[in-house]
C-alpha atoms as a PDB file:
ATOM      1  CA  MET A   1      27.207   9.055  19.666  1.00  0.00           C
ATOM      2  CA  ASP A   2      28.383   6.238  21.876  1.00  0.00           C
ATOM      3  CA  GLU A   3      29.957   3.043  20.545  1.00  0.00           C
ATOM      4  CA  ALA A   4      26.927   0.822  21.289  1.00  0.00           C
ATOM      5  CA  THR A   5      24.599   3.104  19.338  1.00  0.00           C
ATOM      6  CA  PHE A   6      27.053   3.275  16.444  1.00  0.00           C
ATOM      7  CA  GLN A   7      27.322  -0.525  16.338  1.00  0.00           C
ATOM      8  CA  GLU A   8      23.522  -0.923  16.398  1.00  0.00           C
ATOM      9  CA  LEU A   9      23.142   1.547  13.518  1.00  0.00           C
ATOM     10  CA  THR A  10      25.845  -0.233  11.545  1.00  0.00           C
ATOM     11  CA  ARG A  11      24.150  -3.608  12.088  1.00  0.00           C
ATOM     12  CA  SER A  12      20.795  -2.149  11.045  1.00  0.00           C
ATOM     13  CA  LEU A  13      22.267  -0.703   7.851  1.00  0.00           C
ATOM     14  CA  GLU A  14      23.882  -4.039   7.027  1.00  0.00           C
ATOM     15  CA  GLN A  15      20.521  -5.776   7.493  1.00  0.00           C
ATOM     16  CA  ALA A  16      18.764  -3.188   5.312  1.00  0.00           C
ATOM     17  CA  ALA A  17      21.362  -3.671   2.572  1.00  0.00           C
ATOM     18  CA  ALA A  18      20.971  -7.460   2.773  1.00  0.00           C
ATOM     19  CA  HIS A  19      17.193  -7.112   2.500  1.00  0.00           C
ATOM     20  CA  ALA A  20      17.562  -4.793  -0.516  1.00  0.00           C
ATOM     21  CA  ARG A  21      19.725  -7.457  -2.200  1.00  0.00           C
ATOM     22  CA  GLY A  22      16.924  -9.974  -1.660  1.00  0.00           C
ATOM     23  CA  GLU A  23      18.681 -11.884   1.085  1.00  0.00           C
ATOM     24  CA  THR A  24      16.814 -13.350   4.035  1.00  0.00           C
ATOM     25  CA  VAL A  25      17.260 -11.326   7.208  1.00  0.00           C
ATOM     26  CA  ALA A  26      16.646 -13.154  10.483  1.00  0.00           C
ATOM     27  CA  GLY A  27      13.611 -11.826  12.334  1.00  0.00           C
ATOM     28  CA  MET A  28      12.343  -9.708   9.428  1.00  0.00           C
ATOM     29  CA  GLN A  29       8.879 -10.331   8.068  1.00  0.00           C
ATOM     30  CA  VAL A  30       7.559  -8.507   5.033  1.00  0.00           C
ATOM     31  CA  HIS A  31       3.875  -8.630   4.172  1.00  0.00           C
ATOM     32  CA  VAL A  32       2.892  -7.756   0.624  1.00  0.00           C
ATOM     33  CA  PRO A  33      -0.861  -7.615   0.028  1.00  0.00           C
ATOM     34  CA  HIS A  34      -2.137  -9.741  -2.839  1.00  0.00           C
ATOM     35  CA  ASP A  35      -2.919  -8.216  -6.220  1.00  0.00           C
ATOM     36  CA  ILE A  36      -6.098  -6.201  -5.975  1.00  0.00           C
ATOM     37  CA  ASP A  37      -8.827  -5.830  -8.584  1.00  0.00           C
ATOM     38  CA  VAL A  38      -9.135  -2.070  -8.145  1.00  0.00           C
ATOM     39  CA  ALA A  39     -12.126  -1.767 -10.488  1.00  0.00           C
ATOM     40  CA  ALA A  40     -14.041  -4.374  -8.461  1.00  0.00           C
ATOM     41  CA  VAL A  41     -13.172  -2.601  -5.208  1.00  0.00           C
ATOM     42  CA  ARG A  42     -14.439   0.704  -6.585  1.00  0.00           C
ATOM     43  CA  ARG A  43     -17.637  -0.840  -7.980  1.00  0.00           C
ATOM     44  CA  ALA A  44     -18.336  -2.469  -4.608  1.00  0.00           C
ATOM     45  CA  SER A  45     -18.174   0.989  -3.039  1.00  0.00           C
ATOM     46  CA  ALA A  46     -20.891   2.154  -5.484  1.00  0.00           C
ATOM     47  CA  LEU A  47     -18.854   5.274  -6.351  1.00  0.00           C
ATOM     48  CA  SER A  48     -17.901   6.682  -9.724  1.00  0.00           C
ATOM     49  CA  GLN A  49     -14.229   6.816 -10.679  1.00  0.00           C
ATOM     50  CA  ASP A  50     -14.138  10.546  -9.902  1.00  0.00           C
ATOM     51  CA  ALA A  51     -15.805  10.182  -6.504  1.00  0.00           C
ATOM     52  CA  PHE A  52     -13.740   7.157  -5.489  1.00  0.00           C
ATOM     53  CA  ALA A  53     -10.467   8.822  -6.533  1.00  0.00           C
ATOM     54  CA  ARG A  54     -11.340  11.917  -4.496  1.00  0.00           C
ATOM     55  CA  ARG A  55     -12.242   9.832  -1.442  1.00  0.00           C
ATOM     56  CA  ILE A  56      -8.984   7.882  -1.425  1.00  0.00           C
ATOM     57  CA  GLY A  57      -6.878  10.912  -2.341  1.00  0.00           C
ATOM     58  CA  VAL A  58      -5.523   9.985  -5.762  1.00  0.00           C
ATOM     59  CA  ALA A  59      -5.847  11.516  -9.199  1.00  0.00           C
ATOM     60  CA  VAL A  60      -8.587   9.985 -11.335  1.00  0.00           C
ATOM     61  CA  GLY A  61      -5.929   9.201 -13.961  1.00  0.00           C
ATOM     62  CA  THR A  62      -4.031   7.167 -11.385  1.00  0.00           C
ATOM     63  CA  LEU A  63      -7.201   5.257 -10.502  1.00  0.00           C
ATOM     64  CA  ARG A  64      -7.873   4.552 -14.181  1.00  0.00           C
ATOM     65  CA  ASN A  65      -4.328   3.261 -14.659  1.00  0.00           C
ATOM     66  CA  TRP A  66      -4.816   0.920 -11.693  1.00  0.00           C
ATOM     67  CA  GLU A  67      -8.186  -0.271 -12.967  1.00  0.00           C
ATOM     68  CA  GLN A  68      -6.791  -0.931 -16.445  1.00  0.00           C
ATOM     69  CA  ARG A  69      -3.728  -2.610 -14.907  1.00  0.00           C
ATOM     70  CA  ARG A  70      -1.288  -0.273 -16.627  1.00  0.00           C
ATOM     71  CA  ARG A  71       0.077   0.477 -13.172  1.00  0.00           C
ATOM     72  CA  ARG A  72      -0.410  -1.115  -9.815  1.00  0.00           C
ATOM     73  CA  PRO A  73      -0.987   0.559  -6.467  1.00  0.00           C
ATOM     74  CA  GLU A  74       1.966   0.478  -4.095  1.00  0.00           C
ATOM     75  CA  GLY A  75       2.594   1.158  -0.426  1.00  0.00           C
ATOM     76  CA  PRO A  76      -0.180   2.773   1.594  1.00  0.00           C
ATOM     77  CA  ALA A  77      -2.544   2.905  -1.403  1.00  0.00           C
ATOM     78  CA  ARG A  78      -2.292  -0.846  -1.815  1.00  0.00           C
ATOM     79  CA  VAL A  79      -2.974  -1.416   1.875  1.00  0.00           C
ATOM     80  CA  LEU A  80      -5.965   0.953   1.787  1.00  0.00           C
ATOM     81  CA  LEU A  81      -7.390  -0.848  -1.244  1.00  0.00           C
ATOM     82  CA  ALA A  82      -6.912  -4.217   0.483  1.00  0.00           C
ATOM     83  CA  LEU A  83      -8.917  -2.891   3.446  1.00  0.00           C
ATOM     84  CA  LEU A  84     -11.620  -1.559   1.127  1.00  0.00           C
ATOM     85  CA  GLU A  85     -11.740  -4.920  -0.617  1.00  0.00           C
ATOM     86  CA  LYS A  86     -12.701  -6.514   2.712  1.00  0.00           C
ATOM     87  CA  ASN A  87     -15.120  -3.741   3.698  1.00  0.00           C
ATOM     88  CA  PRO A  88     -16.395  -1.582   0.806  1.00  0.00           C
ATOM     89  CA  ARG A  89     -18.348   0.627   3.224  1.00  0.00           C
ATOM     90  CA  LEU A  90     -15.078   1.679   4.815  1.00  0.00           C
ATOM     91  CA  VAL A  91     -14.823   4.497   2.267  1.00  0.00           C
ATOM     92  CA  GLU A  92     -18.023   6.103   3.483  1.00  0.00           C
ATOM     93  CA  GLU A  93     -17.616   5.166   7.142  1.00  0.00           C
ATOM     94  CA  THR A  94     -14.071   6.439   7.438  1.00  0.00           C
ATOM     95  CA  LEU A  95     -13.429   8.895   4.627  1.00  0.00           C
ATOM     96  CA  GLY A  96     -16.826  10.540   4.697  1.00  0.00           C
ATOM     97  CA  GLY A  97     -19.404  11.495   2.218  1.00  0.00           C
END
């Protein structure tokens, strides 16, 4: 590895560590979707808990925990649910039926 690449990796790791500590990192933008009413999203899709869980690829127990707010969806699941909140038909149009 050349020196320039090593320095870039070192700088990137320092920025990642600063971000993990909650510090502001110049040029970094983080988008966190708002809290999602998972039960309302599922009802808008007109699917049962079992069918909706299968379509989005999660266990029905996970879906129930989200709907009852014992847990909250994170990462890609949260983004998918935010998309479904805007377009409930997206489940059928994209994930099939």
